Structures are given as structure tokens and as C-alpha cells.
């Protein structure tokens, strides 16, 4: 069962852990090089900060 970022935030999973899960999944799927992983990390962190802002007005 694949958790969404929002679900993980609601369950108070640390951002680093969410990022690692998402980006390693993606890395395995597409065999990304490290630059893409860094982009993924940034993207996840931006996404999470937005979700957190929406959750805590």
C-alpha cells in the first residue's frame, strides 16, 4: 500500500523520511542519476511545505 505525502504528514512522518521514501522509489523506477534525486528532494520539500501551510492556517 503506497502512502501519499499528505497521509504521511497527517501521521507526523518526518519530512526527511517522506522525501527518502518518495525519491528512492522514483530512483528505482527510472534509474535516476543523483541530480534528479536532488530535484526530487527539493520538489517533495516544496510540496510538503505547501501541504503543511494548507493544513495549519
PDB file of N, CA and C in Angstrom:
ATOM      1  N   UNK A   1       0.848  -1.195   0.000  1.00  0.00           N
ATOM      2  CA  UNK A   1       0.000   0.000   0.000  1.00  0.00           C
ATOM      3  C   UNK A   1       0.887   1.251   0.000  1.00  0.00           C
ATOM      4  N   UNK A   2       0.662   2.083  -0.987  1.00  0.00           N
ATOM      5  CA  UNK A   2       1.501   3.270  -1.126  1.00  0.00           C
ATOM      6  C   UNK A   2       0.848   4.459  -0.440  1.00  0.00           C
ATOM      7  N   UNK A   3       1.560   5.037   0.512  1.00  0.00           N
ATOM      8  CA  UNK A   3       1.039   6.194   1.229  1.00  0.00           C
ATOM      9  C   UNK A   3       1.266   7.461   0.420  1.00  0.00           C
ATOM     10  N   UNK A   4       0.329   8.389   0.516  1.00  0.00           N
ATOM     11  CA  UNK A   4       0.538   9.687  -0.117  1.00  0.00           C
ATOM     12  C   UNK A   4       1.280  10.590   0.850  1.00  0.00           C
ATOM     13  N   UNK A   5       1.876  11.651   0.303  1.00  0.00           N
ATOM     14  CA  UNK A   5       2.611  12.597   1.142  1.00  0.00           C
ATOM     15  C   UNK A   5       1.698  13.201   2.204  1.00  0.00           C
ATOM     16  N   UNK A   6       0.475  13.508   1.797  1.00  0.00           N
ATOM     17  CA  UNK A   6      -0.476  14.127   2.730  1.00  0.00           C
ATOM     18  C   UNK A   6      -0.772  13.181   3.892  1.00  0.00           C
ATOM     19  N   UNK A   7      -0.995  11.921   3.584  1.00  0.00           N
ATOM     20  CA  UNK A   7      -1.255  10.929   4.629  1.00  0.00           C
ATOM     21  C   UNK A   7      -0.092  10.862   5.600  1.00  0.00           C
ATOM     22  N   UNK A   8       1.128  10.843   5.038  1.00  0.00           N
ATOM     23  CA  UNK A   8       2.310  10.743   5.896  1.00  0.00           C
ATOM     24  C   UNK A   8       2.454  11.983   6.777  1.00  0.00           C
ATOM     25  N   UNK A   9       2.166  13.160   6.232  1.00  0.00           N
ATOM     26  CA  UNK A   9       2.230  14.384   7.037  1.00  0.00           C
ATOM     27  C   UNK A   9       1.223  14.309   8.172  1.00  0.00           C
ATOM     28  N   UNK A  10       0.012  13.870   7.848  1.00  0.00           N
ATOM     29  CA  UNK A  10      -1.022  13.761   8.869  1.00  0.00           C
ATOM     30  C   UNK A  10      -0.621  12.784   9.969  1.00  0.00           C
ATOM     31  N   UNK A  11       0.191  11.791   9.601  1.00  0.00           N
ATOM     32  CA  UNK A  11       0.662  10.833  10.598  1.00  0.00           C
ATOM     33  C   UNK A  11       2.001  11.258  11.201  1.00  0.00           C
ATOM     34  N   UNK A  12       2.388  12.520  10.961  1.00  0.00           N
ATOM     35  CA  UNK A  12       3.598  13.109  11.538  1.00  0.00           C
ATOM     36  C   UNK A  12       4.889  12.372  11.167  1.00  0.00           C
ATOM     37  N   UNK A  13       4.935  11.861   9.952  1.00  0.00           N
ATOM     38  CA  UNK A  13       6.190  11.277   9.472  1.00  0.00           C
ATOM     39  C   UNK A  13       7.140  12.423   9.144  1.00  0.00           C
ATOM     40  N   UNK A  14       8.409  12.346   9.567  1.00  0.00           N
ATOM     41  CA  UNK A  14       9.344  13.445   9.294  1.00  0.00           C
ATOM     42  C   UNK A  14       9.533  13.687   7.796  1.00  0.00           C
ATOM     43  N   UNK A  15       9.740  14.946   7.438  1.00  0.00           N
ATOM     44  CA  UNK A  15       9.917  15.321   6.035  1.00  0.00           C
ATOM     45  C   UNK A  15      11.053  14.532   5.383  1.00  0.00           C
ATOM     46  N   UNK A  16      12.153  14.356   6.121  1.00  0.00           N
ATOM     47  CA  UNK A  16      13.307  13.648   5.563  1.00  0.00           C
ATOM     48  C   UNK A  16      12.919  12.214   5.178  1.00  0.00           C
ATOM     49  N   UNK A  17      12.112  11.609   6.011  1.00  0.00           N
ATOM     50  CA  UNK A  17      11.691  10.230   5.764  1.00  0.00           C
ATOM     51  C   UNK A  17      10.776  10.162   4.546  1.00  0.00           C
ATOM     52  N   UNK A  18       9.825  11.079   4.470  1.00  0.00           N
ATOM     53  CA  UNK A  18       8.920  11.126   3.313  1.00  0.00           C
ATOM     54  C   UNK A  18       9.730  11.326   2.037  1.00  0.00           C
ATOM     55  N   UNK A  19      10.662  12.271   2.105  1.00  0.00           N
ATOM     56  CA  UNK A  19      11.498  12.563   0.935  1.00  0.00           C
ATOM     57  C   UNK A  19      12.268  11.332   0.503  1.00  0.00           C
ATOM     58  N   UNK A  20      12.853  10.643   1.475  1.00  0.00           N
ATOM     59  CA  UNK A  20      13.652   9.458   1.169  1.00  0.00           C
ATOM     60  C   UNK A  20      12.792   8.396   0.503  1.00  0.00           C
ATOM     61  N   UNK A  21      11.602   8.161   1.056  1.00  0.00           N
ATOM     62  CA  UNK A  21      10.690   7.156   0.511  1.00  0.00           C
ATOM     63  C   UNK A  21      10.327   7.494  -0.932  1.00  0.00           C
ATOM     64  N   UNK A  22       9.868   8.726  -1.138  1.00  0.00           N
ATOM     65  CA  UNK A  22       9.432   9.123  -2.466  1.00  0.00           C
ATOM     66  C   UNK A  22      10.564   9.092  -3.477  1.00  0.00           C
ATOM     67  N   UNK A  23      11.718   9.636  -3.088  1.00  0.00           N
ATOM     68  CA  UNK A  23      12.795   9.803  -4.053  1.00  0.00           C
ATOM     69  C   UNK A  23      13.511   8.496  -4.344  1.00  0.00           C
ATOM     70  N   UNK A  24      13.597   7.593  -3.376  1.00  0.00           N
ATOM     71  CA  UNK A  24      14.220   6.311  -3.680  1.00  0.00           C
ATOM     72  C   UNK A  24      13.280   5.457  -4.522  1.00  0.00           C
ATOM     73  N   UNK A  25      11.979   5.554  -4.289  1.00  0.00           N
ATOM     74  CA  UNK A  25      11.006   4.854  -5.142  1.00  0.00           C
ATOM     75  C   UNK A  25      11.176   5.313  -6.580  1.00  0.00           C
ATOM     76  N   UNK A  26      11.250   6.631  -6.752  1.00  0.00           N
ATOM     77  CA  UNK A  26      11.362   7.200  -8.077  1.00  0.00           C
ATOM     78  C   UNK A  26      12.695   6.818  -8.716  1.00  0.00           C
ATOM     79  N   UNK A  27      13.730   6.807  -7.901  1.00  0.00           N
ATOM     80  CA  UNK A  27      15.058   6.480  -8.408  1.00  0.00           C
ATOM     81  C   UNK A  27      15.088   5.050  -8.930  1.00  0.00           C
ATOM     82  N   UNK A  28      14.458   4.145  -8.198  1.00  0.00           N
ATOM     83  CA  UNK A  28      14.408   2.752  -8.624  1.00  0.00           C
ATOM     84  C   UNK A  28      13.582   2.624  -9.907  1.00  0.00           C
ATOM     85  N   UNK A  29      12.490   3.371  -9.967  1.00  0.00           N
ATOM     86  CA  UNK A  29      11.601   3.256 -11.115  1.00  0.00           C
ATOM     87  C   UNK A  29      12.259   3.755 -12.396  1.00  0.00           C
ATOM     88  N   UNK A  30      12.970   4.851 -12.300  1.00  0.00           N
ATOM     89  CA  UNK A  30      13.516   5.469 -13.512  1.00  0.00           C
ATOM     90  C   UNK A  30      15.041   5.404 -13.601  1.00  0.00           C
ATOM     91  N   UNK A  31      15.680   4.778 -12.592  1.00  0.00           N
ATOM     92  CA  UNK A  31      17.143   4.719 -12.528  1.00  0.00           C
ATOM     93  C   UNK A  31      17.736   6.113 -12.701  1.00  0.00           C
ATOM     94  N   UNK A  32      17.275   7.032 -11.875  1.00  0.00           N
ATOM     95  CA  UNK A  32      17.710   8.415 -11.971  1.00  0.00           C
ATOM     96  C   UNK A  32      19.144   8.589 -11.502  1.00  0.00           C
ATOM     97  N   UNK A  33      19.793   9.585 -12.069  1.00  0.00           N
ATOM     98  CA  UNK A  33      21.110   9.955 -11.549  1.00  0.00           C
ATOM     99  C   UNK A  33      20.921  10.930 -10.388  1.00  0.00           C
ATOM    100  N   UNK A  34      21.994  11.243  -9.691  1.00  0.00           N
ATOM    101  CA  UNK A  34      21.896  11.976  -8.427  1.00  0.00           C
ATOM    102  C   UNK A  34      21.288  13.365  -8.597  1.00  0.00           C
ATOM    103  N   UNK A  35      21.479  14.007  -9.750  1.00  0.00           N
ATOM    104  CA  UNK A  35      20.918  15.334  -9.968  1.00  0.00           C
ATOM    105  C   UNK A  35      19.394  15.279  -9.888  1.00  0.00           C
ATOM    106  N   UNK A  36      18.808  14.269 -10.507  1.00  0.00           N
ATOM    107  CA  UNK A  36      17.357  14.128 -10.478  1.00  0.00           C
ATOM    108  C   UNK A  36      16.855  13.835  -9.079  1.00  0.00           C
ATOM    109  N   UNK A  37      17.647  13.089  -8.316  1.00  0.00           N
ATOM    110  CA  UNK A  37      17.263  12.807  -6.936  1.00  0.00           C
ATOM    111  C   UNK A  37      17.241  14.101  -6.130  1.00  0.00           C
ATOM    112  N   UNK A  38      18.247  14.963  -6.363  1.00  0.00           N
ATOM    113  CA  UNK A  38      18.261  16.252  -5.667  1.00  0.00           C
ATOM    114  C   UNK A  38      17.039  17.086  -6.035  1.00  0.00           C
ATOM    115  N   UNK A  39      16.687  17.066  -7.322  1.00  0.00           N
ATOM    116  CA  UNK A  39      15.493  17.792  -7.768  1.00  0.00           C
ATOM    117  C   UNK A  39      14.252  17.223  -7.102  1.00  0.00           C
ATOM    118  N   UNK A  40      14.207  15.900  -7.010  1.00  0.00           N
ATOM    119  CA  UNK A  40      13.076  15.234  -6.365  1.00  0.00           C
ATOM    120  C   UNK A  40      12.974  15.665  -4.914  1.00  0.00           C
ATOM    121  N   UNK A  41      14.101  15.687  -4.223  1.00  0.00           N
ATOM    122  CA  UNK A  41      14.125  16.083  -2.817  1.00  0.00           C
ATOM    123  C   UNK A  41      13.563  17.492  -2.654  1.00  0.00           C
ATOM    124  N   UNK A  42      14.038  18.415  -3.498  1.00  0.00           N
ATOM    125  CA  UNK A  42      13.540  19.793  -3.430  1.00  0.00           C
ATOM    126  C   UNK A  42      12.052  19.848  -3.718  1.00  0.00           C
ATOM    127  N   UNK A  43      11.630  19.121  -4.733  1.00  0.00           N
ATOM    128  CA  UNK A  43      10.215  19.107  -5.104  1.00  0.00           C
ATOM    129  C   UNK A  43       9.334  18.598  -3.982  1.00  0.00           C
ATOM    130  N   UNK A  44       9.767  17.510  -3.352  1.00  0.00           N
ATOM    131  CA  UNK A  44       8.995  16.950  -2.246  1.00  0.00           C
ATOM    132  C   UNK A  44       8.916  17.943  -1.095  1.00  0.00           C
ATOM    133  N   UNK A  45      10.047  18.597  -0.792  1.00  0.00           N
ATOM    134  CA  UNK A  45      10.050  19.540   0.326  1.00  0.00           C
ATOM    135  C   UNK A  45       9.136  20.731   0.057  1.00  0.00           C
ATOM    136  N   UNK A  46       9.128  21.218  -1.183  1.00  0.00           N
ATOM    137  CA  UNK A  46       8.225  22.323  -1.549  1.00  0.00           C
ATOM    138  C   UNK A  46       6.777  21.874  -1.409  1.00  0.00           C
ATOM    139  N   UNK A  47       6.495  20.683  -1.944  1.00  0.00           N
ATOM    140  CA  UNK A  47       5.146  20.124  -1.856  1.00  0.00           C
ATOM    141  C   UNK A  47       4.710  20.001  -0.398  1.00  0.00           C
ATOM    142  N   UNK A  48       5.586  19.472   0.436  1.00  0.00           N
ATOM    143  CA  UNK A  48       5.248  19.276   1.842  1.00  0.00           C
ATOM    144  C   UNK A  48       5.008  20.602   2.542  1.00  0.00           C
ATOM    145  N   UNK A  49       5.836  21.606   2.246  1.00  0.00           N
ATOM    146  CA  UNK A  49       5.649  22.896   2.907  1.00  0.00           C
ATOM    147  C   UNK A  49       4.299  23.493   2.524  1.00  0.00           C
ATOM    148  N   UNK A  50       3.881  23.285   1.268  1.00  0.00           N
ATOM    149  CA  UNK A  50       2.564  23.764   0.836  1.00  0.00           C
ATOM    150  C   UNK A  50       1.446  23.039   1.571  1.00  0.00           C
ATOM    151  N   UNK A  51       1.592  21.726   1.669  1.00  0.00           N
ATOM    152  CA  UNK A  51       0.566  20.925   2.340  1.00  0.00           C
ATOM    153  C   UNK A  51       0.452  21.327   3.804  1.00  0.00           C
ATOM    154  N   UNK A  52       1.606  21.537   4.446  1.00  0.00           N
ATOM    155  CA  UNK A  52       1.607  21.929   5.852  1.00  0.00           C
ATOM    156  C   UNK A  52       0.930  23.288   6.021  1.00  0.00           C
ATOM    157  N   UNK A  53       1.207  24.206   5.085  1.00  0.00           N
ATOM    158  CA  UNK A  53       0.569  25.522   5.139  1.00  0.00           C
ATOM    159  C   UNK A  53      -0.944  25.401   5.010  1.00  0.00           C
ATOM    160  N   UNK A  54      -1.383  24.525   4.115  1.00  0.00           N
ATOM    161  CA  UNK A  54      -2.823  24.320   3.926  1.00  0.00           C
ATOM    162  C   UNK A  54      -3.447  23.706   5.175  1.00  0.00           C
ATOM    163  N   UNK A  55      -2.687  22.816   5.816  1.00  0.00           N
ATOM    164  CA  UNK A  55      -3.216  22.094   6.965  1.00  0.00           C
ATOM    165  C   UNK A  55      -3.293  22.997   8.193  1.00  0.00           C
ATOM    166  N   UNK A  56      -2.284  23.857   8.369  1.00  0.00           N
ATOM    167  CA  UNK A  56      -2.240  24.735   9.545  1.00  0.00           C
ATOM    168  C   UNK A  56      -2.411  26.189   9.110  1.00  0.00           C
ATOM    169  N   UNK A  57      -3.634  26.670   9.033  1.00  0.00           N
ATOM    170  CA  UNK A  57      -3.868  28.028   8.547  1.00  0.00           C
ATOM    171  C   UNK A  57      -3.301  29.088   9.501  1.00  0.00           C
TER     172      UNK A  57
END
